């Protein structure tokens, strides 16, 4: 399942935003911020990363379906393993 850079632009942008957000969470921790605030922000980073992962798998699946072979060309076990890796 090869992904083209132009297909990944929005996902890359989301990941870069999550990376910046994680840096701010680390800074919060270094500055001794409130535990609840840190955990809330960390949960947001986690959610952004997970959504990016699902978007990558969905894009790959769409590429398989668009290849012309239809659903029969999809390796179901491989797709299941990818989804479970994100769970």
C-alpha atoms as a PDB file:
ATOM      1  CA  UNK A   1       0.000   0.000   0.000  1.00  0.00           C
ATOM      2  CA  UNK A   2       2.051   2.912  -1.307  1.00  0.00           C
ATOM      3  CA  UNK A   3       0.892   6.408  -0.459  1.00  0.00           C
ATOM      4  CA  UNK A   4       1.610   9.381  -2.671  1.00  0.00           C
ATOM      5  CA  UNK A   5       2.873  12.605  -1.053  1.00  0.00           C
ATOM      6  CA  UNK A   6       0.045  14.675  -2.563  1.00  0.00           C
ATOM      7  CA  UNK A   7      -2.498  12.325  -0.963  1.00  0.00           C
ATOM      8  CA  UNK A   8      -0.807  12.714   2.383  1.00  0.00           C
ATOM      9  CA  UNK A   9      -0.622  16.543   2.545  1.00  0.00           C
ATOM     10  CA  UNK A  10      -3.545  16.996   4.931  1.00  0.00           C
ATOM     11  CA  UNK A  11      -2.375  14.114   7.117  1.00  0.00           C
ATOM     12  CA  UNK A  12       1.177  15.465   7.217  1.00  0.00           C
ATOM     13  CA  UNK A  13      -0.177  18.869   8.219  1.00  0.00           C
ATOM     14  CA  UNK A  14      -2.197  17.266  11.018  1.00  0.00           C
ATOM     15  CA  UNK A  15       0.859  15.349  12.225  1.00  0.00           C
ATOM     16  CA  UNK A  16       3.001  18.501  12.233  1.00  0.00           C
ATOM     17  CA  UNK A  17       0.324  20.274  14.254  1.00  0.00           C
ATOM     18  CA  UNK A  18       0.263  17.351  16.709  1.00  0.00           C
ATOM     19  CA  UNK A  19       4.052  17.500  16.923  1.00  0.00           C
ATOM     20  CA  UNK A  20       3.908  21.182  17.867  1.00  0.00           C
ATOM     21  CA  UNK A  21       1.128  20.479  20.309  1.00  0.00           C
ATOM     22  CA  UNK A  22       3.199  17.723  21.947  1.00  0.00           C
ATOM     23  CA  UNK A  23       6.120  20.137  22.284  1.00  0.00           C
ATOM     24  CA  UNK A  24       3.827  22.529  24.137  1.00  0.00           C
ATOM     25  CA  UNK A  25       2.667  19.714  26.445  1.00  0.00           C
ATOM     26  CA  UNK A  26       6.289  18.915  27.266  1.00  0.00           C
ATOM     27  CA  UNK A  27       6.910  22.592  27.955  1.00  0.00           C
ATOM     28  CA  UNK A  28       3.877  22.642  30.256  1.00  0.00           C
ATOM     29  CA  UNK A  29       5.323  19.720  32.181  1.00  0.00           C
ATOM     30  CA  UNK A  30       8.744  21.355  32.433  1.00  0.00           C
ATOM     31  CA  UNK A  31       7.101  24.506  33.793  1.00  0.00           C
ATOM     32  CA  UNK A  32       5.156  22.555  36.423  1.00  0.00           C
ATOM     33  CA  UNK A  33       1.689  23.115  34.994  1.00  0.00           C
ATOM     34  CA  UNK A  34      -1.430  21.646  36.546  1.00  0.00           C
ATOM     35  CA  UNK A  35      -1.710  17.868  36.108  1.00  0.00           C
ATOM     36  CA  UNK A  36      -5.278  18.080  34.783  1.00  0.00           C
ATOM     37  CA  UNK A  37      -4.315  20.664  32.144  1.00  0.00           C
ATOM     38  CA  UNK A  38      -1.340  18.566  31.012  1.00  0.00           C
ATOM     39  CA  UNK A  39      -3.428  15.402  30.733  1.00  0.00           C
ATOM     40  CA  UNK A  40      -6.176  17.213  28.833  1.00  0.00           C
ATOM     41  CA  UNK A  41      -3.666  18.504  26.295  1.00  0.00           C
ATOM     42  CA  UNK A  42      -1.906  15.146  26.071  1.00  0.00           C
ATOM     43  CA  UNK A  43      -5.253  13.489  25.317  1.00  0.00           C
ATOM     44  CA  UNK A  44      -5.767  15.975  22.483  1.00  0.00           C
ATOM     45  CA  UNK A  45      -2.346  15.125  21.029  1.00  0.00           C
ATOM     46  CA  UNK A  46      -3.113  11.414  21.331  1.00  0.00           C
ATOM     47  CA  UNK A  47      -6.423  11.846  19.530  1.00  0.00           C
ATOM     48  CA  UNK A  48      -4.786  13.804  16.694  1.00  0.00           C
ATOM     49  CA  UNK A  49      -2.144  11.115  16.217  1.00  0.00           C
ATOM     50  CA  UNK A  50      -4.726   8.321  16.226  1.00  0.00           C
ATOM     51  CA  UNK A  51      -6.900  10.156  13.707  1.00  0.00           C
ATOM     52  CA  UNK A  52      -3.862  10.576  11.474  1.00  0.00           C
ATOM     53  CA  UNK A  53      -3.205   6.852  11.635  1.00  0.00           C
ATOM     54  CA  UNK A  54      -6.772   6.015  10.706  1.00  0.00           C
ATOM     55  CA  UNK A  55      -6.633   8.535   7.859  1.00  0.00           C
ATOM     56  CA  UNK A  56      -3.499   6.844   6.516  1.00  0.00           C
ATOM     57  CA  UNK A  57      -5.138   3.410   6.609  1.00  0.00           C
ATOM     58  CA  UNK A  58      -8.318   4.792   5.004  1.00  0.00           C
ATOM     59  CA  UNK A  59      -6.300   6.433   2.229  1.00  0.00           C
ATOM     60  CA  UNK A  60      -4.449   3.191   1.582  1.00  0.00           C
ATOM     61  CA  UNK A  61      -7.692   1.243   1.492  1.00  0.00           C
ATOM     62  CA  UNK A  62      -9.211   3.756  -0.922  1.00  0.00           C
ATOM     63  CA  UNK A  63      -6.152   3.371  -3.162  1.00  0.00           C
ATOM     64  CA  UNK A  64      -6.641  -0.403  -3.187  1.00  0.00           C
ATOM     65  CA  UNK A  65     -10.285  -0.013  -4.157  1.00  0.00           C
ATOM     66  CA  UNK A  66      -9.521   2.621  -6.791  1.00  0.00           C
ATOM     67  CA  UNK A  67      -6.928   0.339  -8.382  1.00  0.00           C
ATOM     68  CA  UNK A  68      -9.785  -1.293 -10.267  1.00  0.00           C
ATOM     69  CA  UNK A  69      -9.772  -4.720  -8.705  1.00  0.00           C
ATOM     70  CA  UNK A  70     -12.453  -3.798  -6.193  1.00  0.00           C
ATOM     71  CA  UNK A  71     -12.794  -5.199  -2.724  1.00  0.00           C
ATOM     72  CA  UNK A  72     -11.279  -8.540  -3.755  1.00  0.00           C
ATOM     73  CA  UNK A  73      -7.879  -6.845  -4.146  1.00  0.00           C
ATOM     74  CA  UNK A  74      -7.824  -5.841  -0.479  1.00  0.00           C
ATOM     75  CA  UNK A  75      -5.827  -8.039   1.875  1.00  0.00           C
ATOM     76  CA  UNK A  76      -8.421  -8.128   4.649  1.00  0.00           C
ATOM     77  CA  UNK A  77      -6.086  -9.680   7.216  1.00  0.00           C
ATOM     78  CA  UNK A  78      -3.449  -7.040   6.538  1.00  0.00           C
ATOM     79  CA  UNK A  79      -5.998  -4.214   6.847  1.00  0.00           C
ATOM     80  CA  UNK A  80      -7.330  -5.714  10.072  1.00  0.00           C
ATOM     81  CA  UNK A  81      -3.800  -5.865  11.475  1.00  0.00           C
ATOM     82  CA  UNK A  82      -3.222  -2.206  10.560  1.00  0.00           C
ATOM     83  CA  UNK A  83      -6.437  -1.086  12.224  1.00  0.00           C
ATOM     84  CA  UNK A  84      -5.706  -3.141  15.352  1.00  0.00           C
ATOM     85  CA  UNK A  85      -2.210  -1.649  15.545  1.00  0.00           C
ATOM     86  CA  UNK A  86      -3.925   1.701  16.109  1.00  0.00           C
ATOM     87  CA  UNK A  87      -6.326   0.399  18.753  1.00  0.00           C
END
